Amino acid sequence: MARLLIVHHTPSPGMQDLFEAASAGAENDEIEGVEVTARAALAATAPDVLAADAVLLGTPANIGYMSGALKHFFDSVYYPCLNDTGGLPYGLYVHGNNDTAGAVRAVEQITKGMGWERVRPPAEIIGEVGREAREEVWELAAVTALAALGEV
């Protein structure tokens, strides 16, 4: 069975809505053969990443950067996973009140350094989280789950 790891920092109602959409997209009935594991960014570990066939990352944009929790995740897993996760498919969703560019840039620099492969452009949600934002994240999660199966 393929494994999708969702690593998220979900401190606000908007991020909770996006996390729920991501979970629903990853676990939808049309995708079979993927085990989905969700870990808060402060709890996710290198063994979680090493066991994954794809990773979905979720973070708020905080002061022009990814959350400190997601940065801690990367600090914790970077060297233990560096030589063993090249080519790992990943997706990213980011929520910000005004801007997400700095957070996206930071995550993409780290994932590029790790050799991870983005499955599609990040879902960048600015302002209120509405139906369209939830649908975008649902679809991103579904595509990332398919990537875990090697179907993307």
N, C-alpha and C. Protein backbone atom coordinates (compact mmCIF):
# COMPACT_ATOMS: atom_id res chain seq x y z
N MET A 1 0.84 -1.18 0.00
CA MET A 1 0.00 0.00 0.00
C MET A 1 0.89 1.24 0.00
N ALA A 2 0.53 2.21 -0.82
CA ALA A 2 1.26 3.48 -0.89
C ALA A 2 0.91 4.33 0.34
N ARG A 3 1.83 5.22 0.68
CA ARG A 3 1.64 6.05 1.88
C ARG A 3 1.77 7.52 1.52
N LEU A 4 0.76 8.30 1.93
CA LEU A 4 0.80 9.75 1.82
C LEU A 4 0.89 10.33 3.22
N LEU A 5 1.86 11.19 3.42
CA LEU A 5 2.05 11.87 4.70
C LEU A 5 1.60 13.32 4.53
N ILE A 6 0.65 13.74 5.36
CA ILE A 6 0.25 15.15 5.40
C ILE A 6 0.93 15.78 6.61
N VAL A 7 1.79 16.76 6.36
CA VAL A 7 2.47 17.50 7.42
C VAL A 7 1.88 18.90 7.42
N HIS A 8 1.27 19.28 8.53
CA HIS A 8 0.53 20.55 8.54
C HIS A 8 0.75 21.32 9.83
N HIS A 9 0.62 22.64 9.71
CA HIS A 9 0.53 23.51 10.88
C HIS A 9 -0.81 24.21 10.75
N THR A 10 -1.69 23.95 11.70
CA THR A 10 -3.08 24.32 11.59
C THR A 10 -3.51 25.15 12.81
N PRO A 11 -3.01 26.40 12.90
CA PRO A 11 -3.30 27.19 14.09
C PRO A 11 -4.56 28.05 14.02
N SER A 12 -5.22 28.11 12.87
CA SER A 12 -6.35 29.03 12.71
C SER A 12 -7.55 28.30 12.11
N PRO A 13 -8.73 28.88 12.22
CA PRO A 13 -9.90 28.26 11.59
C PRO A 13 -9.73 28.09 10.08
N GLY A 14 -9.13 29.05 9.41
CA GLY A 14 -8.89 28.93 7.97
C GLY A 14 -7.98 27.76 7.63
N MET A 15 -6.91 27.62 8.38
CA MET A 15 -6.00 26.49 8.14
C MET A 15 -6.68 25.17 8.48
N GLN A 16 -7.55 25.17 9.49
CA GLN A 16 -8.30 23.95 9.82
C GLN A 16 -9.21 23.56 8.67
N ASP A 17 -9.89 24.55 8.06
CA ASP A 17 -10.73 24.27 6.90
C ASP A 17 -9.91 23.65 5.77
N LEU A 18 -8.73 24.20 5.53
CA LEU A 18 -7.88 23.69 4.44
C LEU A 18 -7.35 22.29 4.77
N PHE A 19 -6.99 22.06 6.02
CA PHE A 19 -6.53 20.73 6.42
C PHE A 19 -7.64 19.70 6.23
N GLU A 20 -8.87 20.05 6.61
CA GLU A 20 -9.99 19.13 6.43
C GLU A 20 -10.24 18.85 4.95
N ALA A 21 -10.11 19.88 4.11
CA ALA A 21 -10.25 19.68 2.67
C ALA A 21 -9.14 18.77 2.14
N ALA A 22 -7.92 18.98 2.63
CA ALA A 22 -6.80 18.15 2.20
C ALA A 22 -7.02 16.69 2.61
N SER A 23 -7.45 16.48 3.83
CA SER A 23 -7.70 15.11 4.30
C SER A 23 -8.79 14.44 3.47
N ALA A 24 -9.84 15.18 3.19
CA ALA A 24 -10.94 14.62 2.39
C ALA A 24 -10.49 14.30 0.97
N GLY A 25 -9.70 15.17 0.37
CA GLY A 25 -9.21 14.92 -0.98
C GLY A 25 -8.29 13.71 -1.04
N ALA A 26 -7.42 13.60 -0.06
CA ALA A 26 -6.46 12.49 -0.04
C ALA A 26 -7.15 11.15 0.22
N GLU A 27 -8.22 11.18 0.98
CA GLU A 27 -8.90 9.95 1.37
C GLU A 27 -10.20 9.72 0.61
N ASN A 28 -10.37 10.39 -0.53
CA ASN A 28 -11.65 10.25 -1.25
C ASN A 28 -11.80 8.84 -1.81
N ASP A 29 -13.04 8.46 -2.02
CA ASP A 29 -13.38 7.08 -2.39
C ASP A 29 -12.87 6.66 -3.76
N GLU A 30 -12.52 7.61 -4.60
CA GLU A 30 -12.05 7.27 -5.94
C GLU A 30 -10.59 6.82 -5.97
N ILE A 31 -9.89 7.03 -4.87
CA ILE A 31 -8.47 6.65 -4.82
C ILE A 31 -8.34 5.46 -3.88
N GLU A 32 -7.86 4.36 -4.42
CA GLU A 32 -7.68 3.15 -3.61
C GLU A 32 -6.20 2.83 -3.50
N GLY A 33 -5.82 2.25 -2.38
CA GLY A 33 -4.45 1.80 -2.21
C GLY A 33 -3.51 2.81 -1.60
N VAL A 34 -4.06 3.87 -0.99
CA VAL A 34 -3.21 4.87 -0.35
C VAL A 34 -3.60 4.98 1.12
N GLU A 35 -2.62 4.80 1.97
CA GLU A 35 -2.80 5.01 3.41
C GLU A 35 -2.38 6.44 3.70
N VAL A 36 -3.27 7.21 4.31
CA VAL A 36 -3.01 8.62 4.61
C VAL A 36 -2.71 8.77 6.09
N THR A 37 -1.58 9.41 6.38
CA THR A 37 -1.19 9.70 7.76
C THR A 37 -1.01 11.20 7.87
N ALA A 38 -1.65 11.80 8.86
CA ALA A 38 -1.50 13.24 9.10
C ALA A 38 -0.70 13.45 10.37
N ARG A 39 0.25 14.36 10.30
CA ARG A 39 1.06 14.71 11.46
C ARG A 39 1.16 16.23 11.55
N ALA A 40 0.98 16.73 12.76
CA ALA A 40 1.26 18.14 12.98
C ALA A 40 2.75 18.37 12.71
N ALA A 41 3.07 19.52 12.19
CA ALA A 41 4.46 19.79 11.79
C ALA A 41 5.44 19.62 12.95
N LEU A 42 5.01 19.93 14.15
CA LEU A 42 5.90 19.78 15.30
C LEU A 42 6.03 18.33 15.76
N ALA A 43 5.20 17.44 15.24
CA ALA A 43 5.24 16.03 15.63
C ALA A 43 5.79 15.12 14.54
N ALA A 44 5.83 15.59 13.30
CA ALA A 44 6.31 14.76 12.19
C ALA A 44 7.80 14.51 12.32
N THR A 45 8.22 13.30 11.96
CA THR A 45 9.61 12.89 12.16
C THR A 45 10.22 12.37 10.86
N ALA A 46 11.53 12.20 10.89
CA ALA A 46 12.23 11.63 9.74
C ALA A 46 11.69 10.24 9.39
N PRO A 47 11.44 9.34 10.36
CA PRO A 47 10.85 8.05 9.99
C PRO A 47 9.51 8.18 9.27
N ASP A 48 8.71 9.20 9.63
CA ASP A 48 7.45 9.43 8.92
C ASP A 48 7.73 9.74 7.45
N VAL A 49 8.69 10.59 7.19
CA VAL A 49 9.03 10.97 5.81
C VAL A 49 9.62 9.78 5.07
N LEU A 50 10.52 9.06 5.70
CA LEU A 50 11.16 7.92 5.04
C LEU A 50 10.15 6.82 4.68
N ALA A 51 9.06 6.74 5.42
CA ALA A 51 8.03 5.73 5.13
C ALA A 51 7.03 6.20 4.09
N ALA A 52 7.08 7.46 3.70
CA ALA A 52 6.09 8.04 2.79
C ALA A 52 6.47 7.87 1.33
N ASP A 53 5.45 7.73 0.50
CA ASP A 53 5.62 7.70 -0.95
C ASP A 53 5.32 9.05 -1.57
N ALA A 54 4.72 9.94 -0.79
CA ALA A 54 4.46 11.33 -1.18
C ALA A 54 4.16 12.11 0.09
N VAL A 55 4.33 13.44 0.02
CA VAL A 55 4.10 14.30 1.17
C VAL A 55 3.26 15.50 0.73
N LEU A 56 2.28 15.85 1.55
CA LEU A 56 1.51 17.07 1.36
C LEU A 56 1.81 17.98 2.53
N LEU A 57 2.25 19.19 2.24
CA LEU A 57 2.63 20.16 3.26
C LEU A 57 1.59 21.26 3.34
N GLY A 58 1.24 21.68 4.56
CA GLY A 58 0.31 22.78 4.75
C GLY A 58 0.83 23.75 5.78
N THR A 59 0.85 25.04 5.44
CA THR A 59 1.38 26.05 6.35
C THR A 59 0.69 27.39 6.15
N PRO A 60 0.56 28.14 7.24
CA PRO A 60 0.18 29.54 7.06
C PRO A 60 1.42 30.33 6.63
N ALA A 61 1.18 31.47 6.03
CA ALA A 61 2.27 32.39 5.73
C ALA A 61 2.36 33.35 6.92
N ASN A 62 3.46 33.30 7.63
CA ASN A 62 3.65 34.12 8.83
C ASN A 62 4.78 35.11 8.61
N ILE A 63 4.43 36.38 8.55
CA ILE A 63 5.41 37.44 8.39
C ILE A 63 6.30 37.16 7.18
N GLY A 64 5.68 36.76 6.08
CA GLY A 64 6.40 36.54 4.84
C GLY A 64 7.18 35.25 4.76
N TYR A 65 6.89 34.28 5.62
CA TYR A 65 7.65 33.04 5.65
C TYR A 65 6.71 31.90 6.03
N MET A 66 7.17 30.66 5.87
CA MET A 66 6.41 29.52 6.35
C MET A 66 6.33 29.59 7.87
N SER A 67 5.42 28.83 8.45
CA SER A 67 5.31 28.82 9.91
C SER A 67 6.59 28.28 10.54
N GLY A 68 6.84 28.71 11.75
CA GLY A 68 7.99 28.19 12.49
C GLY A 68 7.88 26.69 12.70
N ALA A 69 6.66 26.20 12.84
CA ALA A 69 6.46 24.76 13.02
C ALA A 69 6.91 23.98 11.79
N LEU A 70 6.56 24.46 10.59
CA LEU A 70 6.98 23.75 9.38
C LEU A 70 8.50 23.88 9.20
N LYS A 71 9.05 25.02 9.55
CA LYS A 71 10.51 25.18 9.48
C LYS A 71 11.18 24.19 10.44
N HIS A 72 10.63 24.02 11.62
CA HIS A 72 11.16 23.03 12.57
C HIS A 72 11.11 21.63 11.98
N PHE A 73 9.99 21.30 11.31
CA PHE A 73 9.89 20.01 10.64
C PHE A 73 11.05 19.84 9.67
N PHE A 74 11.27 20.81 8.80
CA PHE A 74 12.36 20.69 7.83
C PHE A 74 13.72 20.61 8.52
N ASP A 75 13.93 21.40 9.57
CA ASP A 75 15.19 21.31 10.30
C ASP A 75 15.42 19.93 10.88
N SER A 76 14.34 19.28 11.30
CA SER A 76 14.43 17.95 11.93
C SER A 76 14.66 16.83 10.92
N VAL A 77 14.13 16.97 9.72
CA VAL A 77 14.18 15.86 8.76
C VAL A 77 15.21 16.06 7.65
N TYR A 78 15.74 17.26 7.50
CA TYR A 78 16.58 17.56 6.34
C TYR A 78 17.74 16.56 6.19
N TYR A 79 18.63 16.52 7.14
CA TYR A 79 19.79 15.63 6.99
C TYR A 79 19.46 14.14 7.11
N PRO A 80 18.56 13.75 8.02
CA PRO A 80 18.22 12.31 8.07
C PRO A 80 17.56 11.79 6.79
N CYS A 81 16.91 12.68 6.03
CA CYS A 81 16.18 12.25 4.84
C CYS A 81 16.86 12.63 3.53
N LEU A 82 17.86 13.46 3.59
CA LEU A 82 18.45 14.06 2.40
C LEU A 82 18.86 13.03 1.35
N ASN A 83 19.55 11.99 1.74
CA ASN A 83 20.07 11.03 0.77
C ASN A 83 19.08 9.94 0.36
N ASP A 84 17.94 9.89 1.03
CA ASP A 84 17.01 8.78 0.78
C ASP A 84 15.65 9.19 0.22
N THR A 85 15.42 10.49 0.01
CA THR A 85 14.09 10.91 -0.42
C THR A 85 14.12 11.71 -1.72
N GLY A 86 15.20 11.67 -2.44
CA GLY A 86 15.25 12.35 -3.74
C GLY A 86 14.13 11.84 -4.64
N GLY A 87 13.45 12.75 -5.30
CA GLY A 87 12.36 12.38 -6.19
C GLY A 87 11.02 12.20 -5.49
N LEU A 88 10.98 12.39 -4.18
CA LEU A 88 9.73 12.24 -3.43
C LEU A 88 8.70 13.26 -3.92
N PRO A 89 7.54 12.82 -4.37
CA PRO A 89 6.50 13.77 -4.81
C PRO A 89 5.94 14.54 -3.61
N TYR A 90 5.67 15.83 -3.81
CA TYR A 90 5.07 16.61 -2.74
C TYR A 90 4.11 17.65 -3.31
N GLY A 91 3.19 18.05 -2.46
CA GLY A 91 2.28 19.15 -2.74
C GLY A 91 2.35 20.14 -1.59
N LEU A 92 1.89 21.35 -1.84
CA LEU A 92 1.96 22.42 -0.83
C LEU A 92 0.72 23.28 -0.91
N TYR A 93 0.12 23.54 0.25
CA TYR A 93 -0.91 24.57 0.34
C TYR A 93 -0.51 25.57 1.42
N VAL A 94 -0.76 26.85 1.11
CA VAL A 94 -0.35 27.95 1.99
C VAL A 94 -1.51 28.93 2.11
N HIS A 95 -1.77 29.38 3.32
CA HIS A 95 -2.80 30.40 3.54
C HIS A 95 -2.16 31.64 4.16
N GLY A 96 -2.47 32.79 3.60
CA GLY A 96 -2.00 34.05 4.15
C GLY A 96 -3.09 35.09 4.09
N ASN A 97 -3.00 36.08 4.97
CA ASN A 97 -3.98 37.15 4.95
C ASN A 97 -3.72 38.11 3.80
N ASN A 98 -2.44 38.35 3.48
CA ASN A 98 -2.09 39.32 2.45
C ASN A 98 -1.21 38.77 1.34
N ASP A 99 -0.37 37.79 1.67
CA ASP A 99 0.64 37.34 0.72
C ASP A 99 1.12 35.95 1.11
N THR A 100 1.48 35.15 0.13
CA THR A 100 2.00 33.81 0.40
C THR A 100 3.36 33.58 -0.27
N ALA A 101 3.83 34.55 -1.04
CA ALA A 101 5.01 34.36 -1.89
C ALA A 101 6.25 33.95 -1.10
N GLY A 102 6.51 34.61 0.01
CA GLY A 102 7.71 34.29 0.78
C GLY A 102 7.67 32.89 1.36
N ALA A 103 6.50 32.48 1.83
CA ALA A 103 6.35 31.13 2.38
C ALA A 103 6.55 30.08 1.30
N VAL A 104 5.94 30.31 0.14
CA VAL A 104 6.09 29.36 -0.97
C VAL A 104 7.55 29.28 -1.40
N ARG A 105 8.18 30.41 -1.55
CA ARG A 105 9.59 30.44 -1.98
C ARG A 105 10.47 29.67 -0.99
N ALA A 106 10.25 29.88 0.29
CA ALA A 106 11.07 29.20 1.31
C ALA A 106 10.89 27.69 1.25
N VAL A 107 9.64 27.23 1.16
CA VAL A 107 9.39 25.79 1.10
C VAL A 107 10.00 25.21 -0.18
N GLU A 108 9.83 25.90 -1.29
CA GLU A 108 10.37 25.39 -2.55
C GLU A 108 11.89 25.34 -2.56
N GLN A 109 12.55 26.26 -1.88
CA GLN A 109 14.01 26.20 -1.80
C GLN A 109 14.46 24.97 -1.02
N ILE A 110 13.78 24.69 0.08
CA ILE A 110 14.15 23.53 0.90
C ILE A 110 13.85 22.23 0.16
N THR A 111 12.66 22.12 -0.42
CA THR A 111 12.30 20.88 -1.10
C THR A 111 13.19 20.66 -2.33
N LYS A 112 13.58 21.72 -2.99
CA LYS A 112 14.51 21.58 -4.11
C LYS A 112 15.85 21.04 -3.60
N GLY A 113 16.31 21.57 -2.49
CA GLY A 113 17.56 21.09 -1.90
C GLY A 113 17.50 19.63 -1.49
N MET A 114 16.31 19.18 -1.14
CA MET A 114 16.13 17.77 -0.76
C MET A 114 15.90 16.88 -1.98
N GLY A 115 15.70 17.50 -3.14
CA GLY A 115 15.46 16.72 -4.35
C GLY A 115 14.03 16.25 -4.51
N TRP A 116 13.09 16.84 -3.76
CA TRP A 116 11.68 16.45 -3.87
C TRP A 116 11.11 17.03 -5.15
N GLU A 117 10.07 16.39 -5.69
CA GLU A 117 9.44 16.79 -6.94
C GLU A 117 8.01 17.27 -6.70
N ARG A 118 7.75 18.51 -7.04
CA ARG A 118 6.42 19.10 -6.86
C ARG A 118 5.45 18.47 -7.86
N VAL A 119 4.27 18.05 -7.38
CA VAL A 119 3.29 17.41 -8.25
C VAL A 119 2.46 18.41 -9.04
N ARG A 120 2.32 19.62 -8.53
CA ARG A 120 1.62 20.70 -9.22
C ARG A 120 1.91 22.00 -8.46
N PRO A 121 1.63 23.14 -9.07
CA PRO A 121 1.89 24.40 -8.37
C PRO A 121 1.16 24.45 -7.02
N PRO A 122 1.74 25.16 -6.07
CA PRO A 122 1.11 25.24 -4.74
C PRO A 122 -0.27 25.88 -4.79
N ALA A 123 -1.10 25.48 -3.86
CA ALA A 123 -2.39 26.14 -3.64
C ALA A 123 -2.11 27.32 -2.72
N GLU A 124 -2.20 28.52 -3.25
CA GLU A 124 -1.92 29.74 -2.48
C GLU A 124 -3.25 30.43 -2.21
N ILE A 125 -3.66 30.41 -0.95
CA ILE A 125 -4.94 30.95 -0.55
C ILE A 125 -4.69 32.25 0.22
N ILE A 126 -5.28 33.34 -0.27
CA ILE A 126 -5.12 34.64 0.38
C ILE A 126 -6.49 35.11 0.85
N GLY A 127 -6.53 35.53 2.11
CA GLY A 127 -7.78 36.03 2.67
C GLY A 127 -8.67 34.92 3.17
N GLU A 128 -9.96 35.18 3.13
CA GLU A 128 -10.94 34.23 3.66
C GLU A 128 -10.90 32.91 2.89
N VAL A 129 -11.04 31.83 3.62
CA VAL A 129 -11.06 30.50 3.01
C VAL A 129 -12.51 30.19 2.63
N GLY A 130 -12.75 30.15 1.34
CA GLY A 130 -14.09 29.86 0.85
C GLY A 130 -14.14 28.53 0.12
N ARG A 131 -15.27 28.30 -0.55
CA ARG A 131 -15.51 27.05 -1.26
C ARG A 131 -14.44 26.78 -2.31
N GLU A 132 -14.07 27.79 -3.10
CA GLU A 132 -13.06 27.59 -4.15
C GLU A 132 -11.71 27.19 -3.57
N ALA A 133 -11.33 27.80 -2.47
CA ALA A 133 -10.06 27.46 -1.82
C ALA A 133 -10.08 26.02 -1.32
N ARG A 134 -11.18 25.63 -0.69
CA ARG A 134 -11.29 24.25 -0.20
C ARG A 134 -11.24 23.26 -1.35
N GLU A 135 -11.91 23.58 -2.45
CA GLU A 135 -11.88 22.69 -3.63
C GLU A 135 -10.48 22.59 -4.21
N GLU A 136 -9.76 23.70 -4.26
CA GLU A 136 -8.39 23.68 -4.79
C GLU A 136 -7.48 22.79 -3.95
N VAL A 137 -7.60 22.90 -2.64
CA VAL A 137 -6.78 22.07 -1.75
C VAL A 137 -7.22 20.62 -1.80
N TRP A 138 -8.53 20.36 -1.90
CA TRP A 138 -9.03 18.99 -2.06
C TRP A 138 -8.40 18.34 -3.29
N GLU A 139 -8.42 19.08 -4.40
CA GLU A 139 -7.85 18.54 -5.64
C GLU A 139 -6.34 18.33 -5.53
N LEU A 140 -5.64 19.27 -4.92
CA LEU A 140 -4.19 19.12 -4.73
C LEU A 140 -3.89 17.86 -3.91
N ALA A 141 -4.66 17.63 -2.86
CA ALA A 141 -4.46 16.45 -2.02
C ALA A 141 -4.73 15.17 -2.80
N ALA A 142 -5.78 15.17 -3.61
CA ALA A 142 -6.09 13.99 -4.41
C ALA A 142 -4.97 13.69 -5.40
N VAL A 143 -4.45 14.72 -6.05
CA VAL A 143 -3.35 14.53 -7.00
C VAL A 143 -2.10 14.03 -6.27
N THR A 144 -1.84 14.56 -5.09
CA THR A 144 -0.67 14.12 -4.33
C THR A 144 -0.84 12.66 -3.88
N ALA A 145 -2.05 12.26 -3.53
CA ALA A 145 -2.31 10.85 -3.21
C ALA A 145 -2.05 9.97 -4.41
N LEU A 146 -2.49 10.41 -5.58
CA LEU A 146 -2.23 9.65 -6.80
C LEU A 146 -0.72 9.56 -7.08
N ALA A 147 0.00 10.63 -6.75
CA ALA A 147 1.46 10.62 -6.93
C ALA A 147 2.09 9.57 -6.02
N ALA A 148 1.53 9.37 -4.84
CA ALA A 148 2.04 8.33 -3.94
C ALA A 148 1.93 6.95 -4.60
N LEU A 149 0.91 6.79 -5.42
CA LEU A 149 0.71 5.53 -6.16
C LEU A 149 1.56 5.46 -7.41
N GLY A 150 2.23 6.57 -7.75
CA GLY A 150 3.02 6.61 -8.98
C GLY A 150 2.18 6.89 -10.20
N GLU A 151 0.98 7.41 -10.01
CA GLU A 151 0.05 7.66 -11.13
C GLU A 151 0.08 9.09 -11.64
N VAL A 152 0.98 9.89 -11.16
CA VAL A 152 1.08 11.28 -11.63
C VAL A 152 2.49 11.52 -12.11
